[in-house]
Each structure stands twice: as C-alpha cells, then as structure tokens.
C-alpha cells in the first residue's frame, strides 16, 4: 500500500508541474508573437532603407560614368577650341594683310567699294535708261556715268585674282571664327551638364549619408530583437517538450495506477473467496478485469 501511495503522490506532482508548464506556455505565446511581429517590422524597415541606399548608390555610379564622359568630351572640345582659336588668330592676320592690300588697290581707282556692287550699279543705270522716259540731256548724262563706271569696273576686273583672295580670306576668317564660337559654346554647354551631374551626385551622397545614419541603430535593434526572439522561441520549445513529456508520463502513470488498484482489489477478492465470503458484483468485475 505504501508503494501505491507513493505513485499517487508522484502523479499529483507531475500533474501540478504540467499545469504550471501549460500556464508558462500560455504566458509565453503572446510574448513570442509580439517579438516576432516587431522583429519582422524592423526588418521590413531595414530592407526598405537598404533598398533606398542601393538605389542611390546605383544612381551615383551611373551619374559618375556620365559625368566622366562629359568631362572627357569637354577636354577634347577644349583642345579643338584652342586649335580653332589659333586658326582664327592666323586668319585674322591674313585678313588684315588682304584688307591692307584691298585698301592699296582701291586707292588706285576712284571706286572704293566691291566690284560686284559696281556691276549692280551699272546694271541699274542701264535698266533705267532703257525703261524710263527722260530728257535727252539726262540720258546723255546717265550714259556718261555708265561709261565711267564701266571703265572703273574694267580696271577692277584686272585685279580679279586679288579680289578672289580678299573674298576667300574674309570667308575663311568668318568660318573659323564661327567654328571657334561654336566650340566655345559647346564647351560651356557640356561643362554645365557635367556640373549639374556633379551637384546631383553630391545631393545623392548626402541622402546616402542620412540613410546610413538611420540604418545603424535600426540594424542594431533588429539584431537585438532577433536574439530575444530566438531566446524566447528556445524557451517555448523547451517548455513544450516538457509538456509533451509530462503528458506521456501521466498517461502511463494513469495506466499503472489502474493496474495497481486492480491488483489490490483482486487480492481482496481472493481473500474473500478463501474465507468463503460472498462476492459483490464489483468484486466479480474487478476479478475478471485482472484476468483479462
């Protein structure tokens, strides 16, 4: 009977422990759930922040590449501009020479303008004589003017090669100056684009710096939450394992307790039979149960 009492006492202790462990599980479940939710939310924020950093570092990389390409273009265009400026200087010197020659040649004739302009003037006078009605004296005067202009044109025509040189040099000077101005404008435009990209890079660097500052404490918090969650999860699993173990032990204990009680009852029945006492229905059922 002492052995049976001890087993019953152990069973009660196990049941009390099982209740306590189940209470601990119930208390730990919401804590574990809250830690997991907080951990996942912190990770979501951290991932969003890192996506922003990655996006901006990619933009910085592309902008640097574009800026460097523009810088190389500016460098090349500056070299071209220098060559064109030298050409302008050279053409300017040539133009001064032909302008001086032009002045010298025009000093040899009465007409001081362009031969083409002189030709147009002659054509205009001839058209006027042919198409307009005028006094004879005026017509004679105009014809005299035409002859004088034609004489000047004839003299100028003798210097055709010189005029071609003058016109060619002037045209080359104008073209060289235009190209130099275009190159200068191109340098300014490209330099402006390069500067804009440089400023944008600096803006993105500041944003990355700001996000990095936010990332550090967030990453530390996420690490702490992950550690706390793992500790809570480990405790939960240990308690759950003990609950399962206790449940199994108590099922075995209940079965063992039944057998002990049945054995004791059978001993009582046998003692009654031995003494010739009348058996009750409960005695008969207990005796049959132990046999089975």
Protein backbone atom coordinates (compact mmCIF):
# COMPACT_ATOMS: atom_id res chain seq x y z
CA UNK A 1 0.00 0.00 0.00
CA UNK A 2 2.96 2.35 0.61
CA UNK A 3 4.14 1.83 -2.96
CA UNK A 4 0.69 2.78 -4.30
CA UNK A 5 0.54 5.93 -2.19
CA UNK A 6 3.98 6.98 -3.39
CA UNK A 7 2.95 6.51 -7.01
CA UNK A 8 -0.21 8.56 -6.47
CA UNK A 9 1.86 11.32 -4.82
CA UNK A 10 4.28 11.35 -7.78
CA UNK A 11 1.35 11.54 -10.18
CA UNK A 12 -0.05 14.57 -8.41
CA UNK A 13 3.34 16.30 -8.55
CA UNK A 14 3.56 15.61 -12.28
CA UNK A 15 0.06 16.97 -12.86
CA UNK A 16 0.91 20.11 -10.92
CA UNK A 17 4.08 20.57 -12.96
CA UNK A 18 2.10 20.03 -16.19
CA UNK A 19 -0.39 22.73 -15.19
CA UNK A 20 2.47 25.11 -14.38
CA UNK A 21 4.21 24.45 -17.69
CA UNK A 22 0.98 24.97 -19.61
CA UNK A 23 0.49 28.29 -17.83
CA UNK A 24 4.05 29.25 -18.82
CA UNK A 25 3.29 28.34 -22.45
CA UNK A 26 0.13 30.44 -22.43
CA UNK A 27 2.07 33.38 -20.99
CA UNK A 28 4.97 32.99 -23.45
CA UNK A 29 2.87 32.67 -26.64
CA UNK A 30 1.81 36.36 -26.90
CA UNK A 31 5.33 37.50 -25.96
CA UNK A 32 6.80 35.31 -28.70
CA UNK A 33 4.22 36.54 -31.22
CA UNK A 34 4.84 40.20 -30.32
CA UNK A 35 8.62 39.78 -30.59
CA UNK A 36 8.26 38.12 -33.98
CA UNK A 37 5.97 40.90 -35.27
CA UNK A 38 8.33 43.61 -34.01
CA UNK A 39 11.33 41.77 -35.46
CA UNK A 40 9.67 41.42 -38.89
CA UNK A 41 8.54 45.06 -38.93
CA UNK A 42 12.05 46.23 -38.06
CA UNK A 43 13.45 44.01 -40.80
CA UNK A 44 10.93 45.46 -43.30
CA UNK A 45 12.04 48.99 -42.38
CA UNK A 46 15.69 47.97 -42.62
CA UNK A 47 15.18 46.36 -46.02
CA UNK A 48 13.32 49.45 -47.29
CA UNK A 49 16.16 51.67 -46.07
CA UNK A 50 18.79 49.47 -47.70
CA UNK A 51 16.81 49.49 -50.96
CA UNK A 52 16.91 53.30 -50.89
CA UNK A 53 20.66 53.25 -50.25
CA UNK A 54 21.22 50.73 -53.05
CA UNK A 55 19.05 52.75 -55.45
CA UNK A 56 21.01 55.92 -54.76
CA UNK A 57 24.43 54.27 -54.95
CA UNK A 58 23.43 52.82 -58.34
CA UNK A 59 22.37 56.30 -59.49
CA UNK A 60 25.66 57.75 -58.21
CA UNK A 61 27.58 55.12 -60.16
CA UNK A 62 25.69 55.90 -63.39
CA UNK A 63 25.95 59.67 -62.89
CA UNK A 64 29.69 59.41 -62.27
CA UNK A 65 30.06 57.49 -65.51
CA UNK A 66 28.02 60.10 -67.41
CA UNK A 67 29.92 62.97 -65.73
CA UNK A 68 33.28 61.43 -66.63
CA UNK A 69 32.16 61.01 -70.24
CA UNK A 70 31.14 64.67 -70.33
CA UNK A 71 34.45 65.69 -68.74
CA UNK A 72 36.34 63.80 -71.47
CA UNK A 73 34.17 65.46 -74.13
CA UNK A 74 34.89 68.88 -72.59
CA UNK A 75 38.61 68.10 -72.59
CA UNK A 76 38.50 67.08 -76.26
CA UNK A 77 36.38 70.08 -77.23
CA UNK A 78 38.72 72.45 -75.37
CA UNK A 79 41.61 71.11 -77.43
CA UNK A 80 39.59 71.64 -80.60
CA UNK A 81 38.66 75.14 -79.43
CA UNK A 82 42.32 76.01 -78.86
CA UNK A 83 43.17 74.89 -82.39
CA UNK A 84 40.28 76.92 -83.79
CA UNK A 85 41.33 79.98 -81.79
CA UNK A 86 44.81 79.68 -83.27
CA UNK A 87 43.23 79.36 -86.71
CA UNK A 88 41.11 82.47 -86.04
CA UNK A 89 44.24 84.33 -84.99
CA UNK A 90 46.02 83.18 -88.14
CA UNK A 91 43.05 84.05 -90.38
CA UNK A 92 42.75 87.42 -88.63
CA UNK A 93 46.37 88.17 -89.55
CA UNK A 94 45.73 87.15 -93.15
CA UNK A 95 42.58 89.26 -93.24
CA UNK A 96 44.50 92.31 -92.05
CA UNK A 97 47.02 91.74 -94.83
CA UNK A 98 44.38 91.42 -97.57
CA UNK A 99 42.44 94.38 -96.13
CA UNK A 100 45.62 96.44 -96.40
CA UNK A 101 46.14 95.17 -99.95
CA UNK A 102 42.49 95.95 -100.73
CA UNK A 103 42.91 99.50 -99.43
CA UNK A 104 46.04 99.93 -101.54
CA UNK A 105 44.35 98.64 -104.69
CA UNK A 106 41.23 100.71 -104.19
CA UNK A 107 43.47 103.76 -103.87
CA UNK A 108 44.45 103.21 -107.45
CA UNK A 109 40.85 103.63 -108.71
CA UNK A 110 38.10 106.10 -107.98
CA UNK A 111 35.63 103.41 -106.80
CA UNK A 112 36.14 102.36 -103.19
CA UNK A 113 33.57 99.56 -102.94
CA UNK A 114 33.07 95.99 -104.03
CA UNK A 115 33.28 95.25 -107.82
CA UNK A 116 30.04 93.28 -107.52
CA UNK A 117 28.35 96.35 -106.12
CA UNK A 118 29.78 98.39 -109.02
CA UNK A 119 28.37 95.88 -111.51
CA UNK A 120 24.94 96.07 -109.90
CA UNK A 121 25.10 99.88 -110.07
CA UNK A 122 25.90 99.77 -113.83
CA UNK A 123 23.06 97.31 -114.46
CA UNK A 124 20.64 99.54 -112.58
CA UNK A 125 21.62 102.61 -114.64
CA UNK A 126 21.33 100.73 -117.94
CA UNK A 127 17.89 99.43 -116.95
CA UNK A 128 16.81 102.94 -116.06
CA UNK A 129 17.98 104.30 -119.45
CA UNK A 130 16.12 101.55 -121.31
CA UNK A 131 12.87 101.63 -119.38
CA UNK A 132 12.31 105.22 -118.30
CA UNK A 133 11.29 108.24 -120.34
CA UNK A 134 13.66 111.16 -119.67
CA UNK A 135 15.10 114.26 -121.31
CA UNK A 136 17.88 113.62 -123.79
CA UNK A 137 20.35 115.61 -121.71
CA UNK A 138 19.71 113.45 -118.68
CA UNK A 139 20.03 110.29 -120.74
CA UNK A 140 23.36 111.51 -122.05
CA UNK A 141 24.47 112.23 -118.50
CA UNK A 142 23.49 108.71 -117.36
CA UNK A 143 25.24 107.11 -120.30
CA UNK A 144 28.38 109.05 -119.42
CA UNK A 145 28.13 107.78 -115.86
CA UNK A 146 27.74 104.21 -117.14
CA UNK A 147 30.88 104.56 -119.26
CA UNK A 148 32.85 105.91 -116.33
CA UNK A 149 31.67 103.09 -114.09
CA UNK A 150 32.42 100.52 -116.77
CA UNK A 151 35.93 101.94 -117.04
CA UNK A 152 36.35 101.56 -113.28
CA UNK A 153 34.97 98.02 -113.45
CA UNK A 154 37.42 97.19 -116.19
CA UNK A 155 40.29 98.39 -114.04
CA UNK A 156 38.96 96.44 -111.08
CA UNK A 157 38.48 93.33 -113.20
CA UNK A 158 42.20 93.33 -113.91
CA UNK A 159 42.64 92.67 -110.19
CA UNK A 160 40.21 89.72 -110.12
CA UNK A 161 42.66 87.28 -108.50
CA UNK A 162 43.33 89.77 -105.76
CA UNK A 163 39.60 90.21 -105.12
CA UNK A 164 39.17 86.45 -105.02
CA UNK A 165 41.92 86.24 -102.42
CA UNK A 166 40.29 89.04 -100.41
CA UNK A 167 36.85 87.38 -100.53
CA UNK A 168 38.26 83.91 -99.82
CA UNK A 169 40.32 85.13 -96.85
CA UNK A 170 37.36 87.04 -95.43
CA UNK A 171 35.12 83.97 -95.78
CA UNK A 172 37.72 81.71 -94.16
CA UNK A 173 38.10 84.14 -91.27
CA UNK A 174 34.33 84.30 -90.72
CA UNK A 175 34.04 80.48 -90.88
CA UNK A 176 36.97 79.95 -88.50
CA UNK A 177 35.50 82.43 -86.03
CA UNK A 178 32.07 80.74 -86.25
CA UNK A 179 33.60 77.32 -85.57
CA UNK A 180 35.60 78.70 -82.64
CA UNK A 181 32.46 80.30 -81.18
CA UNK A 182 30.50 77.04 -81.66
CA UNK A 183 33.30 75.10 -79.94
CA UNK A 184 33.33 77.58 -77.06
CA UNK A 185 29.56 77.30 -76.69
CA UNK A 186 29.86 73.50 -76.82
CA UNK A 187 32.46 73.58 -74.04
CA UNK A 188 30.19 75.76 -71.90
CA UNK A 189 27.13 73.54 -72.51
CA UNK A 190 28.99 70.30 -71.74
CA UNK A 191 30.68 71.84 -68.69
CA UNK A 192 27.26 72.94 -67.42
CA UNK A 193 25.83 69.42 -67.88
CA UNK A 194 28.87 67.94 -66.12
CA UNK A 195 28.46 70.38 -63.22
CA UNK A 196 24.74 69.57 -62.91
CA UNK A 197 25.53 65.86 -62.68
CA UNK A 198 28.28 66.58 -60.13
CA UNK A 199 25.81 68.54 -57.98
CA UNK A 200 23.25 65.73 -58.27
CA UNK A 201 25.92 63.24 -57.16
CA UNK A 202 26.62 65.37 -54.08
CA UNK A 203 22.88 65.51 -53.29
CA UNK A 204 22.64 61.71 -53.53
CA UNK A 205 25.75 61.32 -51.34
CA UNK A 206 24.04 63.41 -48.65
CA UNK A 207 20.91 61.22 -48.89
CA UNK A 208 23.01 58.05 -48.60
CA UNK A 209 24.83 59.55 -45.60
CA UNK A 210 21.46 60.31 -43.96
CA UNK A 211 20.11 56.80 -44.64
CA UNK A 212 23.33 55.20 -43.36
CA UNK A 213 22.91 57.10 -40.10
CA UNK A 214 19.34 55.74 -39.82
CA UNK A 215 20.43 52.22 -40.80
CA UNK A 216 22.95 51.69 -37.97
CA UNK A 217 20.57 51.92 -34.96
CA UNK A 218 17.86 50.07 -36.90
CA UNK A 219 20.23 47.19 -37.68
CA UNK A 220 21.34 47.03 -34.03
CA UNK A 221 17.71 46.97 -32.88
CA UNK A 222 16.88 44.20 -35.37
CA UNK A 223 19.83 42.13 -34.11
CA UNK A 224 18.70 42.55 -30.50
CA UNK A 225 15.11 41.61 -31.38
CA UNK A 226 16.30 38.54 -33.26
CA UNK A 227 18.36 37.41 -30.25
CA UNK A 228 15.43 37.99 -27.86
CA UNK A 229 13.07 36.17 -30.22
CA UNK A 230 15.42 33.18 -30.51
CA UNK A 231 15.79 33.04 -26.73
CA UNK A 232 12.00 33.16 -26.26
CA UNK A 233 11.47 30.56 -29.01
CA UNK A 234 14.04 28.26 -27.41
CA UNK A 235 12.34 28.61 -24.01
CA UNK A 236 8.96 27.95 -25.61
CA UNK A 237 10.21 24.79 -27.33
CA UNK A 238 11.85 23.54 -24.13
CA UNK A 239 8.64 24.07 -22.14
CA UNK A 240 6.55 22.50 -24.92
CA UNK A 241 8.87 19.49 -24.97
CA UNK A 242 8.47 19.13 -21.19
CA UNK A 243 4.66 19.44 -21.52
CA UNK A 244 4.63 16.62 -24.08
CA UNK A 245 6.91 14.55 -21.87
CA UNK A 246 4.70 15.11 -18.81
CA UNK A 247 1.55 14.29 -20.77
CA UNK A 248 3.08 10.99 -21.85
CA UNK A 249 4.27 10.22 -18.32
CA UNK A 250 0.85 10.96 -16.83
CA UNK A 251 -0.87 8.70 -19.36
CA UNK A 252 1.49 5.88 -18.36
CA UNK A 253 1.01 6.76 -14.68
CA UNK A 254 -2.78 6.54 -15.02
CA UNK A 255 -2.48 3.13 -16.65
CA UNK A 256 -0.06 1.95 -13.94
CA UNK A 257 -2.29 3.29 -11.18
CA UNK A 258 -5.23 1.34 -12.61
CA UNK A 259 -3.25 -1.89 -12.59
CA UNK A 260 -2.12 -1.33 -9.01
CA UNK A 261 -5.67 -0.72 -7.86
CA UNK A 262 -6.93 -3.75 -9.79
CA UNK A 263 -4.21 -5.91 -8.24
CA UNK A 264 -5.17 -4.74 -4.76
CA UNK A 265 -8.84 -5.39 -5.48
CA UNK A 266 -8.03 -8.89 -6.78
CA UNK A 267 -6.13 -9.68 -3.59
CA UNK A 268 -9.18 -8.63 -1.61
CA UNK A 269 -11.45 -10.83 -3.76
CA UNK A 270 -9.14 -13.84 -3.39
CA UNK A 271 -9.08 -13.30 0.35
CA UNK A 272 -12.92 -13.26 0.41
CA UNK A 273 -13.05 -16.45 -1.65
CA UNK A 274 -10.54 -18.07 0.64
CA UNK A 275 -12.59 -17.10 3.67
CA UNK A 276 -15.83 -18.14 1.97
CA UNK A 277 -17.29 -14.68 1.99
CA UNK A 278 -19.93 -13.62 -0.51
CA UNK A 279 -18.58 -11.65 -3.53
CA UNK A 280 -20.26 -8.47 -4.67
CA UNK A 281 -20.83 -7.60 -8.32
CA UNK A 282 -17.93 -5.07 -8.10
CA UNK A 283 -15.67 -7.86 -6.76
CA UNK A 284 -16.56 -10.15 -9.65
CA UNK A 285 -15.94 -7.44 -12.30
CA UNK A 286 -12.57 -6.49 -10.79
CA UNK A 287 -11.52 -10.14 -10.70
CA UNK A 288 -12.47 -10.63 -14.35
CA UNK A 289 -10.63 -7.42 -15.35
CA UNK A 290 -7.32 -8.55 -13.86
CA UNK A 291 -7.66 -11.92 -15.59
CA UNK A 292 -8.08 -10.23 -18.93
